[in-house]
Protein backbone atom coordinates (compact mmCIF):
# COMPACT_ATOMS: atom_id res chain seq x y z
CA MET A 1 51.59 -0.15 -18.58
CA LYS A 2 48.13 0.41 -20.05
CA ARG A 3 44.51 0.90 -19.11
CA GLN A 4 43.17 -2.54 -18.17
CA TYR A 5 41.08 -4.26 -15.55
CA LEU A 6 42.92 -4.30 -12.21
CA GLY A 7 41.58 -6.55 -9.46
CA CYS A 8 43.11 -4.37 -6.72
CA VAL A 9 40.83 -1.45 -7.66
CA GLY A 10 37.98 -3.48 -9.16
CA LYS A 11 37.79 -1.47 -12.38
CA VAL A 12 39.63 -0.51 -15.56
CA ALA A 13 42.58 1.72 -14.68
CA ASN A 14 46.11 2.54 -15.80
CA GLY A 15 48.48 0.04 -14.23
CA ILE A 16 50.51 -3.15 -14.37
CA ASN A 17 49.33 -6.74 -14.06
CA THR A 18 51.74 -9.21 -12.51
CA VAL A 19 51.70 -12.88 -11.56
CA HIS A 20 53.25 -13.63 -8.17
CA LEU A 21 54.11 -16.79 -6.25
CA ALA A 22 53.72 -16.57 -2.47
CA TYR A 23 55.36 -19.13 -0.20
CA VAL A 24 53.27 -19.82 2.89
CA ARG A 25 54.11 -21.90 5.93
CA GLU A 26 51.15 -22.17 8.28
CA GLY A 27 51.84 -20.73 11.72
CA THR A 28 55.24 -19.37 10.67
CA GLY A 29 55.06 -16.76 7.93
CA HIS A 30 54.77 -16.00 4.24
CA ALA A 31 56.41 -13.90 1.54
CA LEU A 32 56.48 -13.40 -2.23
CA ILE A 33 59.18 -15.52 -3.89
CA GLY A 34 58.43 -15.21 -7.61
CA ALA A 35 56.96 -12.72 -10.06
CA ARG A 36 56.35 -12.15 -13.76
CA GLU A 37 54.92 -9.10 -15.47
CA TRP A 38 51.98 -9.80 -17.74
CA ILE A 39 52.36 -7.91 -21.03
CA PRO A 40 49.31 -7.60 -23.34
CA ALA A 41 49.71 -9.16 -26.78
CA GLY A 42 48.94 -5.81 -28.40
CA GLN A 43 51.98 -4.17 -26.80
CA ILE A 44 54.31 -7.02 -27.73
CA GLY A 45 53.11 -6.98 -31.34
CA ASP A 46 53.38 -3.19 -31.75
CA PRO A 47 57.02 -2.26 -32.57
CA VAL A 48 56.63 1.35 -31.40
CA THR A 49 54.96 0.48 -28.10
CA SER A 50 57.40 -2.39 -27.55
CA ALA A 51 60.39 -0.09 -28.04
CA LEU A 52 59.00 2.61 -25.76
CA ALA A 53 58.39 0.05 -23.01
CA GLY A 54 61.83 -1.50 -23.43
CA LEU A 55 60.46 -4.97 -24.08
CA PRO A 56 63.03 -7.65 -24.97
CA ALA A 57 63.16 -8.48 -28.68
CA ASP A 58 62.49 -12.17 -28.01
CA LEU A 59 59.55 -11.60 -25.66
CA VAL A 60 56.45 -13.60 -26.62
CA PHE A 61 52.95 -13.31 -25.24
CA ARG A 62 52.23 -15.52 -22.24
CA THR A 63 48.90 -15.93 -20.49
CA LYS A 64 48.80 -15.64 -16.71
CA GLY A 65 48.54 -19.41 -16.45
CA GLN A 66 51.65 -19.82 -18.60
CA LEU A 67 53.51 -17.23 -16.52
CA ALA A 68 52.56 -19.22 -13.42
CA ILE A 69 54.13 -22.29 -15.05
CA ASP A 70 57.34 -20.30 -15.68
CA ILE A 71 57.49 -19.21 -12.03
CA LEU A 72 56.84 -22.72 -10.73
CA THR A 73 59.48 -24.15 -13.05
CA GLU A 74 62.11 -21.81 -11.60
CA ALA A 75 60.94 -22.47 -8.04
CA PHE A 76 61.16 -26.24 -8.49
CA ALA A 77 64.62 -25.87 -10.10
CA ASP A 78 65.75 -23.93 -7.02
CA GLY A 79 64.61 -26.77 -4.75
CA VAL A 80 61.41 -25.18 -3.46
CA LEU A 81 58.97 -27.85 -2.24
CA LEU A 82 55.26 -27.12 -2.12
CA ASP A 83 52.57 -29.20 -0.43
CA PHE A 84 49.90 -27.58 -2.59
CA VAL A 85 49.71 -25.04 -5.38
CA CYS A 86 46.75 -22.72 -4.83
CA GLY A 87 45.31 -20.03 -7.03
CA ASP A 88 42.16 -18.21 -8.06
CA GLU A 89 39.85 -18.89 -11.00
CA VAL A 90 42.27 -17.50 -13.59
CA TYR A 91 44.68 -20.33 -12.78
CA GLY A 92 42.09 -23.00 -12.04
CA SER A 93 40.65 -22.48 -15.52
CA CYS A 94 44.06 -22.94 -17.15
CA THR A 95 44.23 -26.52 -18.41
CA GLU A 96 47.93 -26.14 -19.25
CA LEU A 97 48.78 -25.18 -15.66
CA ARG A 98 46.79 -28.07 -14.20
CA GLU A 99 48.46 -30.54 -16.56
CA TYR A 100 51.90 -29.12 -15.68
CA CYS A 101 51.29 -29.70 -11.98
CA GLU A 102 50.00 -33.22 -12.58
CA ASP A 103 53.01 -34.06 -14.75
CA HIS A 104 55.24 -33.02 -11.83
CA ASP A 105 53.15 -34.89 -9.20
CA GLN A 106 52.33 -31.55 -7.61
CA ALA A 107 49.12 -31.44 -5.60
CA TYR A 108 46.92 -28.41 -6.17
CA VAL A 109 43.77 -26.73 -4.90
CA LEU A 110 42.67 -24.24 -7.55
CA ARG A 111 39.54 -22.11 -7.58
CA ILE A 112 37.24 -22.71 -10.53
CA PRO A 113 34.10 -20.90 -11.75
CA SER A 114 30.61 -22.25 -11.16
CA SER A 115 30.38 -22.99 -14.90
CA PHE A 116 33.38 -25.37 -14.80
CA ARG A 117 32.27 -28.74 -16.20
CA LEU A 118 32.98 -31.87 -14.18
CA ALA A 119 33.17 -35.44 -15.42
CA LEU A 120 31.57 -37.50 -12.66
CA SER A 121 31.37 -41.25 -12.26
CA GLY A 122 28.87 -43.06 -14.47
CA GLY A 123 29.58 -40.80 -17.44
CA VAL A 124 27.62 -37.87 -15.97
CA THR A 125 28.86 -34.35 -16.80
CA LEU A 126 27.67 -31.42 -14.71
CA THR A 127 28.76 -27.89 -13.96
CA CYS A 128 29.95 -27.10 -10.45
CA GLN A 129 26.74 -25.19 -9.83
CA GLN A 130 24.61 -28.16 -10.87
CA ALA A 131 26.65 -30.53 -8.71
CA ALA A 132 26.21 -28.26 -5.69
CA ALA A 133 22.45 -28.01 -6.35
CA ARG A 134 22.18 -31.80 -6.16
CA LEU A 135 23.62 -31.67 -2.64
CA GLY A 136 21.07 -29.21 -1.32
CA ARG A 137 21.88 -27.54 2.00
CA ARG A 138 21.79 -30.58 4.30
CA ARG A 139 23.25 -33.64 2.63
CA GLY A 140 26.99 -34.01 2.12
CA TRP A 141 28.16 -30.92 4.01
CA GLU A 142 30.58 -30.85 6.93
CA VAL A 143 31.55 -27.82 9.00
CA ARG A 144 35.31 -27.44 9.35
CA SER A 145 37.77 -24.68 10.10
CA ALA A 146 39.77 -23.26 7.21
CA GLY A 147 42.43 -22.23 9.71
CA SER A 148 42.69 -19.68 12.46
CA GLY A 149 43.09 -15.95 11.99
CA SER A 150 43.34 -12.99 14.33
CA LYS A 151 39.65 -13.39 15.17
CA GLY A 152 39.75 -17.14 15.75
CA HIS A 153 38.86 -20.09 13.56
CA ARG A 154 37.28 -19.41 10.17
CA TRP A 155 34.38 -21.85 9.92
CA TYR A 156 32.75 -22.89 6.66
CA ALA A 157 30.61 -25.77 5.44
CA TRP A 158 32.50 -28.00 3.00
CA ALA A 159 31.48 -30.67 0.51
CA TRP A 160 33.93 -33.16 -1.02
CA LEU A 161 32.86 -34.59 -4.38
CA ALA A 162 34.53 -37.43 -6.27
CA THR A 163 34.97 -37.27 -10.03
CA ALA A 164 35.52 -39.91 -12.70
CA SER A 165 39.25 -39.69 -11.86
CA ALA A 166 40.45 -41.20 -8.58
CA ARG A 167 43.02 -38.39 -8.19
CA HIS A 168 40.68 -35.46 -8.88
CA HIS A 169 38.05 -34.09 -6.52
CA VAL A 170 35.93 -31.00 -6.18
CA LEU A 171 35.91 -29.09 -2.90
CA ILE A 172 32.92 -26.78 -2.39
CA ARG A 173 32.99 -24.14 0.33
CA ARG A 174 29.77 -22.59 1.64
CA HIS A 175 29.69 -19.47 3.78
CA LEU A 176 27.71 -20.15 6.93
CA GLN A 177 26.00 -16.75 7.05
CA ASN A 178 25.15 -15.83 3.44
CA GLY A 179 25.42 -19.25 1.77
CA GLU A 180 27.89 -18.03 -0.85
CA LEU A 181 29.62 -20.91 -2.65
CA ALA A 182 33.22 -21.22 -3.83
CA TYR A 183 34.51 -24.14 -5.90
CA HIS A 184 37.98 -25.71 -5.87
CA TYR A 185 39.37 -28.31 -8.26
CA CYS A 186 41.80 -30.56 -6.39
CA TYR A 187 44.49 -32.96 -7.53
CA LEU A 188 46.12 -35.42 -5.11
CA PRO A 189 49.01 -37.46 -6.55
CA GLU A 190 49.39 -41.18 -6.04
CA GLY A 191 50.20 -41.98 -2.44
CA GLN A 192 48.28 -39.06 -0.93
CA PRO A 193 45.00 -39.98 0.79
CA PRO A 194 41.87 -38.76 -1.03
CA SER A 195 40.69 -36.91 2.09
CA PRO A 196 39.42 -33.31 2.24
CA SER A 197 41.37 -32.44 5.42
CA ARG A 198 44.58 -31.18 3.81
CA PRO A 199 42.91 -29.53 0.78
CA ILE A 200 40.64 -27.59 3.15
CA ARG A 201 43.66 -26.27 5.03
CA ALA A 202 45.31 -25.40 1.72
CA ALA A 203 42.20 -23.58 0.48
CA GLY A 204 42.19 -21.57 3.71
CA LEU A 205 45.78 -20.44 3.16
CA ARG A 206 45.16 -18.39 0.02
CA TRP A 207 44.65 -15.18 2.02
CA PRO A 208 48.38 -14.73 2.90
CA ALA A 209 49.11 -13.95 -0.75
CA GLU A 210 46.67 -11.03 -0.57
CA GLU A 211 48.31 -9.92 2.67
CA ASP A 212 51.71 -10.02 0.96
CA PHE A 213 50.41 -7.66 -1.72
CA GLU A 214 49.01 -5.35 0.95
CA LEU A 215 52.27 -5.34 2.91
CA GLY A 216 54.32 -4.95 -0.26
CA LYS A 217 52.32 -1.87 -1.20
CA ASP A 218 51.87 -0.28 2.23
CA CYS A 219 55.33 -0.97 3.68
CA PHE A 220 57.68 -1.30 0.71
CA GLY A 221 56.14 0.70 -2.15
CA LEU A 222 55.27 -2.17 -4.50
CA ASP A 223 52.73 0.03 -6.28
CA GLN A 224 54.53 3.37 -5.85
CA THR A 225 57.19 3.15 -8.53
CA GLN A 226 57.20 5.72 -11.34
CA VAL A 227 59.33 3.64 -13.71
CA ARG A 228 57.80 2.60 -17.01
CA LEU A 229 60.39 0.34 -18.66
CA TYR A 230 60.10 -3.45 -18.54
CA ALA A 231 63.51 -4.04 -16.92
CA ALA A 232 63.10 -1.21 -14.42
CA ILE A 233 59.73 -2.56 -13.29
CA ALA A 234 61.28 -6.01 -12.82
CA ARG A 235 64.13 -4.55 -10.73
CA HIS A 236 61.74 -2.61 -8.53
CA THR A 237 59.57 -5.69 -8.01
CA VAL A 238 62.56 -7.84 -7.03
CA LEU A 239 63.80 -5.25 -4.53
CA VAL A 240 60.37 -5.04 -2.89
CA MET A 241 60.11 -8.84 -2.71
CA ALA A 242 63.58 -9.06 -1.13
CA ALA A 243 62.74 -6.43 1.50
CA LEU A 244 59.45 -8.17 2.30
CA ALA A 245 61.20 -11.54 2.57
CA ILE A 246 63.84 -10.17 4.96
CA CYS A 247 61.19 -8.76 7.27
CA ALA A 248 59.02 -11.90 6.99
CA VAL A 249 61.95 -14.15 7.94
CA THR A 250 62.93 -11.83 10.81
CA ALA A 251 59.37 -11.77 12.15
CA ALA A 252 59.17 -15.58 11.86
CA LEU A 253 62.42 -16.04 13.79
CA LEU A 254 61.20 -13.71 16.54
CA ARG A 255 57.66 -15.07 16.63
CA ARG A 256 58.00 -17.38 19.63
CA ARG A 257 60.11 -14.95 21.65
CA THR A 258 57.80 -11.97 21.11
CA ASP A 259 54.43 -13.74 21.40
CA THR A 260 53.25 -13.23 24.97
CA ARG A 261 49.49 -13.35 24.38
CA ALA A 262 47.21 -14.69 27.08
CA PRO A 263 45.48 -18.03 26.39
CA ALA A 264 42.53 -17.80 24.01
CA PRO A 265 39.04 -17.71 25.60
CA VAL A 266 37.14 -20.96 25.97
CA ARG A 267 33.69 -19.60 26.95
CA PRO A 268 31.58 -16.80 25.46
CA ASP A 269 31.00 -15.36 28.97
CA GLN A 270 34.64 -15.50 30.06
CA SER A 271 36.12 -12.39 31.68
CA PRO A 272 39.03 -10.72 29.90
CA PRO A 273 42.52 -11.48 31.21
CA ALA A 274 44.20 -9.06 33.57
CA ASP A 275 47.24 -9.06 31.26
CA PRO A 276 46.43 -9.72 27.57
CA GLY A 277 50.12 -9.90 26.69
CA MET A 278 51.39 -8.79 23.30
CA ILE A 279 51.04 -10.13 19.77
CA PRO A 280 54.28 -11.26 18.10
CA LEU A 281 56.20 -8.76 16.03
CA THR A 282 54.52 -8.34 12.65
CA VAL A 283 56.13 -7.63 9.30
CA PRO A 284 55.20 -3.89 9.33
CA GLU A 285 56.63 -3.47 12.84
CA THR A 286 59.75 -5.44 11.91
CA CYS A 287 60.17 -3.23 8.83
CA HIS A 288 59.87 -0.09 10.96
CA LEU A 289 62.32 -1.36 13.57
CA LEU A 290 64.92 -2.31 10.94
CA ALA A 291 64.59 1.00 9.11
CA HIS A 292 64.17 3.29 12.14
CA PRO A 293 65.28 1.68 15.43
CA PRO A 294 63.30 3.44 18.16
CA PRO A 295 65.28 5.30 20.82
CA PRO A 296 64.56 4.51 24.46
CA GLY A 297 61.39 6.25 25.50
CA ALA A 298 58.15 7.09 23.75
CA ALA A 299 58.68 5.12 20.53
CA SER A 300 59.27 1.79 22.26
CA HIS A 301 56.37 2.42 24.65
CA TRP A 302 54.09 3.17 21.70
CA LEU A 303 55.12 -0.07 19.98
CA ALA A 304 54.44 -2.10 23.15
CA TRP A 305 51.07 -0.37 23.69
CA ARG A 306 49.97 -1.11 20.12
CA ARG A 307 50.93 -4.79 20.32
CA ARG A 308 49.17 -5.11 23.68
CA HIS A 309 46.04 -3.40 22.35
CA GLN A 310 45.98 -5.72 19.31
CA ALA A 311 46.30 -8.76 21.59
CA LEU A 312 43.33 -7.63 23.69
CA SER A 313 41.29 -6.81 20.58
CA ALA A 314 41.99 -10.27 19.13
CA TRP A 315 40.96 -11.87 22.46
CA TYR A 316 37.57 -10.11 22.35
CA HIS A 317 37.07 -11.09 18.70
CA GLN A 318 37.76 -14.73 19.58
CA ARG A 319 35.30 -14.61 22.49
CA THR A 320 32.63 -13.19 20.19
CA ARG A 321 33.22 -16.03 17.75
CA LEU A 322 32.61 -18.55 20.55
CA ALA A 323 29.03 -17.31 20.82
CA ARG A 324 28.43 -18.59 17.28
CA ASN A 325 29.39 -22.16 18.11
CA THR A 326 25.75 -23.11 18.65
CA GLU A 327 24.85 -21.86 15.19
CA ILE A 328 27.83 -23.66 13.66
CA ALA A 329 26.93 -26.94 15.35
CA LEU A 330 23.44 -26.80 13.82
CA VAL A 331 24.77 -26.60 10.26
CA ARG A 332 24.95 -29.93 8.46
């Protein structure tokens, strides 16, 4: 625990930095399945601070990339199979993590900064920003969905660039409205087709990890502990992850039985359905039902009304997105 930059608040604050592994299955559910606390080197090297924090005597400093390797090693040992490993720029910039995945024939789609240097064919070396500038805004881009959310498909323009290595590619994502670019370094092991289709879907599935943090904090108190010792923080984190996993699995098992939504709109001028149905049970609602089963009456009616309202709201969002299809079709 110290004052440090925290991404969740966007500034320097007093808090804890952790590395988490989220397991995501598209269309089913997601939960946190691994975690490590990042301890600054200064705290590990200071005997007084180390003792006050209850740090193990054999604890050594590990970067976030190295902690990610530790989590993946345990996950693989437990039989967890991953189609892709995804992560933000902190992990994409970690050469050791990328080499670990490649040594284990593990495909990855990792965000990298615009300054990341690429070795292209012909002995040319460019930064990601320079490579994107050579494409311009017309040549080499293809509009594809990064997956569907509550408001419909999430459309972006994508560019797929080959490198000097047959197994490595660069995936560039461009926002259709503001033109903002995001870069992904991709590795596809031998036997996997060098096509952008699956990496694009993988890149679009990074948001569930952020949702897991939000649910962990809002529903299970991930950020509300007052403990300060290393072991106590680890225990609290594990308990929160277990509670989140139980509710995520329960919601996934009930998904088909509780999803009664009306068909999605197909035209931007389509009239709303007479009965919008209800969205499937979500993790927060599952958590509430398991902790406080509602008695017959107002509580159950309120739950049904909220799920029905969310289904209708999502239907209108999806219809609004249909009006943008003309604009999307014009992007090349």
